Protein backbone atom coordinates (compact mmCIF):
# COMPACT_ATOMS: atom_id res chain seq x y z
CA UNK A 1 -97.46 -1.41 90.35
CA UNK A 2 -98.13 1.19 87.58
CA UNK A 3 -97.56 4.63 88.35
CA UNK A 4 -100.49 7.37 88.35
CA UNK A 5 -100.39 10.59 86.17
CA UNK A 6 -99.24 13.39 87.54
CA UNK A 7 -102.12 15.62 88.50
CA UNK A 8 -102.16 19.10 86.16
CA UNK A 9 -99.82 21.54 87.47
CA UNK A 10 -100.86 25.59 88.58
CA UNK A 11 -99.06 27.37 85.84
CA UNK A 12 -100.69 25.08 83.11
CA UNK A 13 -104.43 25.67 84.21
CA UNK A 14 -103.27 29.20 85.15
CA UNK A 15 -102.34 29.63 81.23
CA UNK A 16 -105.60 27.99 80.13
CA UNK A 17 -107.91 30.54 82.13
CA UNK A 18 -106.00 33.53 80.60
CA UNK A 19 -106.43 32.23 77.12
CA UNK A 20 -109.94 31.06 77.91
CA UNK A 21 -110.74 34.45 79.31
CA UNK A 22 -109.11 36.34 76.23
CA UNK A 23 -111.23 34.25 73.94
CA UNK A 24 -114.40 35.18 75.80
CA UNK A 25 -113.90 38.69 75.65
CA UNK A 26 -113.83 38.47 71.98
CA UNK A 27 -113.90 35.27 69.67
CA UNK A 28 -116.22 33.51 71.51
CA UNK A 29 -118.82 35.93 72.34
CA UNK A 30 -120.99 35.06 69.45
CA UNK A 31 -120.88 31.10 70.17
CA UNK A 32 -121.95 32.47 74.12
CA UNK A 33 -124.81 33.72 72.22
CA UNK A 34 -125.92 31.09 70.24
CA UNK A 35 -125.46 28.21 72.59
CA UNK A 36 -126.86 30.50 75.70
CA UNK A 37 -130.57 29.97 76.23
CA UNK A 38 -133.26 29.63 79.00
CA UNK A 39 -133.97 25.98 77.95
CA UNK A 40 -135.48 24.68 81.20
CA UNK A 41 -138.17 27.45 80.80
CA UNK A 42 -138.61 26.45 76.86
CA UNK A 43 -138.89 22.40 77.46
CA UNK A 44 -139.16 21.48 80.91
CA UNK A 45 -141.16 24.72 82.63
CA UNK A 46 -142.80 22.60 85.73
CA UNK A 47 -138.98 21.48 86.29
CA UNK A 48 -137.26 24.80 86.31
CA UNK A 49 -138.16 25.75 89.95
CA UNK A 50 -136.75 22.17 91.10
CA UNK A 51 -133.77 22.03 89.29
CA UNK A 52 -132.71 25.81 90.59
CA UNK A 53 -133.51 24.32 94.32
CA UNK A 54 -132.23 20.95 94.18
CA UNK A 55 -129.14 19.89 91.85
CA UNK A 56 -128.15 23.37 91.25
CA UNK A 57 -127.64 24.05 95.02
CA UNK A 58 -125.78 21.21 95.40
CA UNK A 59 -122.69 23.01 94.18
CA UNK A 60 -123.36 26.25 96.29
CA UNK A 61 -122.03 27.53 99.51
CA UNK A 62 -125.21 26.46 101.42
CA UNK A 63 -124.35 23.01 100.69
CA UNK A 64 -120.86 22.60 99.79
CA UNK A 65 -119.26 24.18 102.66
CA UNK A 66 -121.36 22.04 105.46
CA UNK A 67 -120.07 18.81 103.68
CA UNK A 68 -116.37 20.11 103.72
CA UNK A 69 -116.71 21.19 107.35
CA UNK A 70 -118.29 18.05 108.63
CA UNK A 71 -115.52 15.98 106.97
CA UNK A 72 -112.70 18.63 108.18
CA UNK A 73 -113.92 18.20 112.00
CA UNK A 74 -114.04 14.41 111.53
CA UNK A 75 -110.64 13.88 110.56
CA UNK A 76 -109.33 16.64 112.98
CA UNK A 77 -111.20 14.58 115.35
CA UNK A 78 -110.01 11.28 114.55
CA UNK A 79 -106.47 12.47 113.96
CA UNK A 80 -106.06 14.85 117.03
CA UNK A 81 -104.58 17.53 114.19
CA UNK A 82 -105.69 21.35 112.90
CA UNK A 83 -104.27 20.49 109.92
CA UNK A 84 -107.96 19.55 107.91
CA UNK A 85 -109.52 22.93 109.33
CA UNK A 86 -106.44 25.01 108.00
CA UNK A 87 -107.75 23.15 104.48
CA UNK A 88 -110.89 24.48 105.08
CA UNK A 89 -109.83 28.03 105.92
CA UNK A 90 -107.76 28.22 102.75
CA UNK A 91 -110.56 26.75 100.75
CA UNK A 92 -112.86 29.82 101.76
CA UNK A 93 -110.21 32.44 101.11
CA UNK A 94 -109.19 30.98 98.01
CA UNK A 95 -112.61 31.19 96.77
CA UNK A 96 -113.95 34.83 97.96
CA UNK A 97 -110.11 36.11 97.56
CA UNK A 98 -109.04 34.35 94.11
CA UNK A 99 -112.34 33.47 92.23
CA UNK A 100 -114.57 36.33 93.94
CA UNK A 101 -111.52 38.58 93.08
CA UNK A 102 -111.59 37.43 89.27
CA UNK A 103 -115.89 38.31 89.08
CA UNK A 104 -115.19 41.55 90.78
CA UNK A 105 -112.23 42.74 88.16
CA UNK A 106 -113.73 41.45 85.22
CA UNK A 107 -117.32 42.19 85.87
CA UNK A 108 -118.92 40.12 82.94
CA UNK A 109 -122.66 40.73 82.76
CA UNK A 110 -124.81 37.44 82.93
CA UNK A 111 -127.15 36.42 80.41
CA UNK A 112 -129.87 37.85 82.24
CA UNK A 113 -128.20 41.45 82.82
CA UNK A 114 -126.49 42.36 79.45
CA UNK A 115 -124.82 40.73 76.64
CA UNK A 116 -121.80 39.29 78.10
CA UNK A 117 -119.47 42.23 78.02
CA UNK A 118 -116.95 42.18 80.41
CA UNK A 119 -116.64 45.78 82.21
CA UNK A 120 -120.00 46.85 81.67
CA UNK A 121 -120.82 47.82 85.08
CA UNK A 122 -120.36 44.87 87.51
CA UNK A 123 -121.95 44.79 90.96
CA UNK A 124 -122.48 47.75 91.73
CA UNK A 125 -124.63 48.32 88.47
CA UNK A 126 -126.30 44.98 88.30
CA UNK A 127 -125.75 43.40 91.51
CA UNK A 128 -124.61 39.47 91.28
CA UNK A 129 -126.09 39.78 87.56
CA UNK A 130 -122.60 41.81 86.69
CA UNK A 131 -120.31 39.47 88.24
CA UNK A 132 -120.80 35.74 85.50
CA UNK A 133 -117.19 35.45 84.76
CA UNK A 134 -116.25 32.75 86.09
CA UNK A 135 -119.03 30.59 87.51
CA UNK A 136 -118.99 30.55 91.13
CA UNK A 137 -120.96 27.21 91.37
CA UNK A 138 -118.84 25.65 88.75
CA UNK A 139 -115.56 26.60 90.89
CA UNK A 140 -116.91 25.56 94.20
CA UNK A 141 -118.02 22.16 92.63
CA UNK A 142 -114.18 21.80 91.97
CA UNK A 143 -112.80 23.67 94.86
CA UNK A 144 -114.83 22.49 98.01
CA UNK A 145 -115.98 19.57 96.70
CA UNK A 146 -112.12 18.92 95.53
CA UNK A 147 -110.92 20.22 99.21
CA UNK A 148 -112.93 17.50 100.97
CA UNK A 149 -111.67 14.90 98.67
CA UNK A 150 -108.02 15.97 99.19
CA UNK A 151 -108.69 15.70 102.75
CA UNK A 152 -110.45 12.23 102.77
CA UNK A 153 -107.29 10.86 100.53
CA UNK A 154 -104.25 12.17 102.16
CA UNK A 155 -105.90 10.75 105.80
CA UNK A 156 -107.22 7.26 103.87
CA UNK A 157 -103.68 5.66 103.00
CA UNK A 158 -102.74 4.11 99.92
CA UNK A 159 -106.37 3.04 99.30
CA UNK A 160 -106.72 2.85 95.68
CA UNK A 161 -110.28 2.30 95.42
CA UNK A 162 -111.19 5.01 97.57
CA UNK A 163 -108.82 7.44 95.47
CA UNK A 164 -110.66 6.53 92.19
CA UNK A 165 -114.13 7.07 93.68
CA UNK A 166 -113.52 10.27 95.25
CA UNK A 167 -112.09 11.59 91.91
CA UNK A 168 -115.47 10.04 90.28
CA UNK A 169 -117.43 11.69 92.71
CA UNK A 170 -115.88 14.82 92.28
CA UNK A 171 -116.25 14.96 88.51
CA UNK A 172 -120.30 14.12 88.50
CA UNK A 173 -120.75 16.87 90.87
CA UNK A 174 -119.07 19.30 88.32
CA UNK A 175 -120.67 18.06 85.74
CA UNK A 176 -124.27 18.33 87.44
CA UNK A 177 -123.20 22.02 88.08
CA UNK A 178 -122.13 22.84 84.51
CA UNK A 179 -124.64 21.30 82.90
CA UNK A 180 -127.92 22.41 85.19
CA UNK A 181 -126.32 25.94 85.29
CA UNK A 182 -126.34 25.67 81.42
CA UNK A 183 -129.77 24.00 80.78
CA UNK A 184 -131.07 27.06 83.14
CA UNK A 185 -129.70 29.51 81.38
CA UNK A 186 -128.24 31.68 84.40
CA UNK A 187 -124.13 31.37 82.90
CA UNK A 188 -122.90 31.98 79.34
CA UNK A 189 -120.96 28.38 78.27
CA UNK A 190 -117.61 30.00 78.63
CA UNK A 191 -118.43 31.06 82.07
CA UNK A 192 -118.92 27.21 83.14
CA UNK A 193 -115.62 26.64 81.64
CA UNK A 194 -113.82 29.40 83.09
CA UNK A 195 -115.25 28.38 86.60
CA UNK A 196 -113.73 24.67 86.36
CA UNK A 197 -110.38 25.93 85.75
CA UNK A 198 -110.37 29.00 87.85
CA UNK A 199 -111.37 26.26 90.83
CA UNK A 200 -108.54 23.57 89.85
CA UNK A 201 -106.44 26.31 90.14
CA UNK A 202 -107.01 27.65 93.59
CA UNK A 203 -107.53 23.67 94.19
CA UNK A 204 -104.13 22.89 92.92
CA UNK A 205 -102.28 26.13 94.74
CA UNK A 206 -103.74 24.87 98.13
CA UNK A 207 -102.59 21.13 97.57
CA UNK A 208 -98.88 22.66 96.68
CA UNK A 209 -98.59 24.92 99.22
CA UNK A 210 -100.46 22.42 101.71
CA UNK A 211 -97.59 19.88 100.59
CA UNK A 212 -94.76 22.09 101.14
CA UNK A 213 -95.53 23.60 104.51
CA UNK A 214 -96.07 19.81 105.70
CA UNK A 215 -92.38 18.61 104.05
CA UNK A 216 -91.25 21.53 106.55
CA UNK A 217 -92.62 19.87 109.75
CA UNK A 218 -93.78 23.23 111.08
CA UNK A 219 -95.66 23.21 114.83
CA UNK A 220 -98.95 24.21 116.02
CA UNK A 221 -100.84 20.90 114.67
CA UNK A 222 -99.89 21.60 111.07
CA UNK A 223 -97.99 18.71 110.76
CA UNK A 224 -99.90 15.08 110.52
CA UNK A 225 -98.75 12.15 110.22
CA UNK A 226 -100.66 9.91 107.22
CA UNK A 227 -101.43 6.27 108.12
CA UNK A 228 -100.01 3.44 106.14
CA UNK A 229 -96.55 5.48 105.98
CA UNK A 230 -95.11 4.91 109.13
CA UNK A 231 -91.06 5.00 109.27
CA UNK A 232 -89.04 2.19 108.23
CA UNK A 233 -87.16 0.53 111.71
CA UNK A 234 -83.30 0.97 111.42
CA UNK A 235 -81.46 -2.05 110.33
CA UNK A 236 -80.12 -4.09 113.11
CA UNK A 237 -76.29 -3.58 113.46
CA UNK A 238 -74.04 -6.37 111.87
CA UNK A 239 -72.68 -9.01 113.76
CA UNK A 240 -70.08 -11.67 113.59
CA UNK A 241 -71.34 -15.01 112.26
CA UNK A 242 -70.66 -17.39 115.54
CA UNK A 243 -69.57 -21.15 114.83
CA UNK A 244 -72.50 -23.60 115.25
CA UNK A 245 -71.69 -26.40 117.59
CA UNK A 246 -71.51 -29.91 115.94
CA UNK A 247 -73.08 -32.80 117.80
CA UNK A 248 -70.62 -35.98 118.72
CA UNK A 249 -72.84 -38.12 116.93
CA UNK A 250 -72.32 -35.95 113.99
CA UNK A 251 -68.52 -35.60 114.18
CA UNK A 252 -68.59 -39.30 114.76
CA UNK A 253 -70.09 -40.44 111.76
CA UNK A 254 -67.62 -37.78 109.72
CA UNK A 255 -65.78 -39.64 107.12
CA UNK A 256 -61.99 -39.93 108.34
CA UNK A 257 -60.88 -37.83 105.25
CA UNK A 258 -63.22 -34.91 106.01
CA UNK A 259 -61.87 -34.41 109.40
CA UNK A 260 -59.71 -31.23 109.89
CA UNK A 261 -56.17 -31.24 109.94
CA UNK A 262 -54.27 -30.28 112.96
CA UNK A 263 -52.19 -27.35 112.79
CA UNK A 264 -49.37 -26.35 114.11
CA UNK A 265 -50.91 -24.55 117.09
CA UNK A 266 -52.79 -27.41 118.42
CA UNK A 267 -49.67 -29.31 119.46
CA UNK A 268 -48.82 -29.48 123.00
CA UNK A 269 -45.52 -29.77 124.28
CA UNK A 270 -44.53 -32.88 125.98
CA UNK A 271 -44.68 -33.14 129.35
CA UNK A 272 -42.65 -35.07 131.84
CA UNK A 273 -44.53 -37.85 132.41
CA UNK A 274 -44.18 -38.08 128.79
CA UNK A 275 -40.24 -37.94 128.78
CA UNK A 276 -39.68 -40.10 131.75
CA UNK A 277 -38.27 -43.56 131.15
CA UNK A 278 -40.16 -46.32 132.78
CA UNK A 279 -38.42 -49.27 133.85
CA UNK A 280 -38.71 -52.59 132.34
CA UNK A 281 -40.48 -50.82 129.34
CA UNK A 282 -38.30 -50.43 125.82
CA UNK A 283 -38.41 -47.10 124.28
CA UNK A 284 -39.61 -46.89 120.73
CA UNK A 285 -37.44 -44.73 118.41
CA UNK A 286 -39.85 -42.16 117.87
CA UNK A 287 -39.75 -41.76 121.26
CA UNK A 288 -36.03 -41.69 121.80
CA UNK A 289 -35.60 -39.21 119.41
CA UNK A 290 -37.81 -36.78 121.77
CA UNK A 291 -35.30 -37.39 124.36
CA UNK A 292 -32.10 -36.56 123.07
């Protein structure tokens, strides 16, 4: 069976995020201003509220966190382990500390509050509109839903069809998040791309740490037995082959030349009855030799 491509490593995602941030702070700002617009209000004003309350909310904490928590509780109860709940805690900590920390540190203004410059007031001056980079919804679409898919994949065993469908589902949710946010004009285009990279980076770190901890076999319910991956049974000790008894009928039908030749160990010594002369019976020459 063909091997699946290895997922993108954390250093590659981190490097791509750093390069994009440097470009967004300078060379890409004119492109952000050119591509950004309130397209929903311009082309479909009657649908703007619906797009904000329904499709855009799919990647928000009010929807994605209950989905992840429901998946984790189901798997934790089914497999009797705290491991899925630990993934939930790691995903939330990674989002607020990692991605939230980037938003506060960079302090980029959203289109509704400024011209997209970094370190221009931030949350203290503009509130939520002062921490637009990276996009929180785009990051949550990858991180939170990706964590739920990771748990389902780990506990589903070697079901490649389910793995492929989960990858497509997370990809569609992420695409919905960036398309709707771009159409509504809530973010600069580079904010959305950076959100995907940041969410993927935090998820990759969580997965790598989880696999390393599980390999060490730590207690307190962290370790888990994956279905479909049972230990192989130990081979039976080698034994010497036993001779197979040959039936008498088969032995009698054997050709005389195929019979085994007697060895010296099979010749029995002569008994007293064999060497005693019998009155009135002549002795054959070969027996005479044995008697002298």
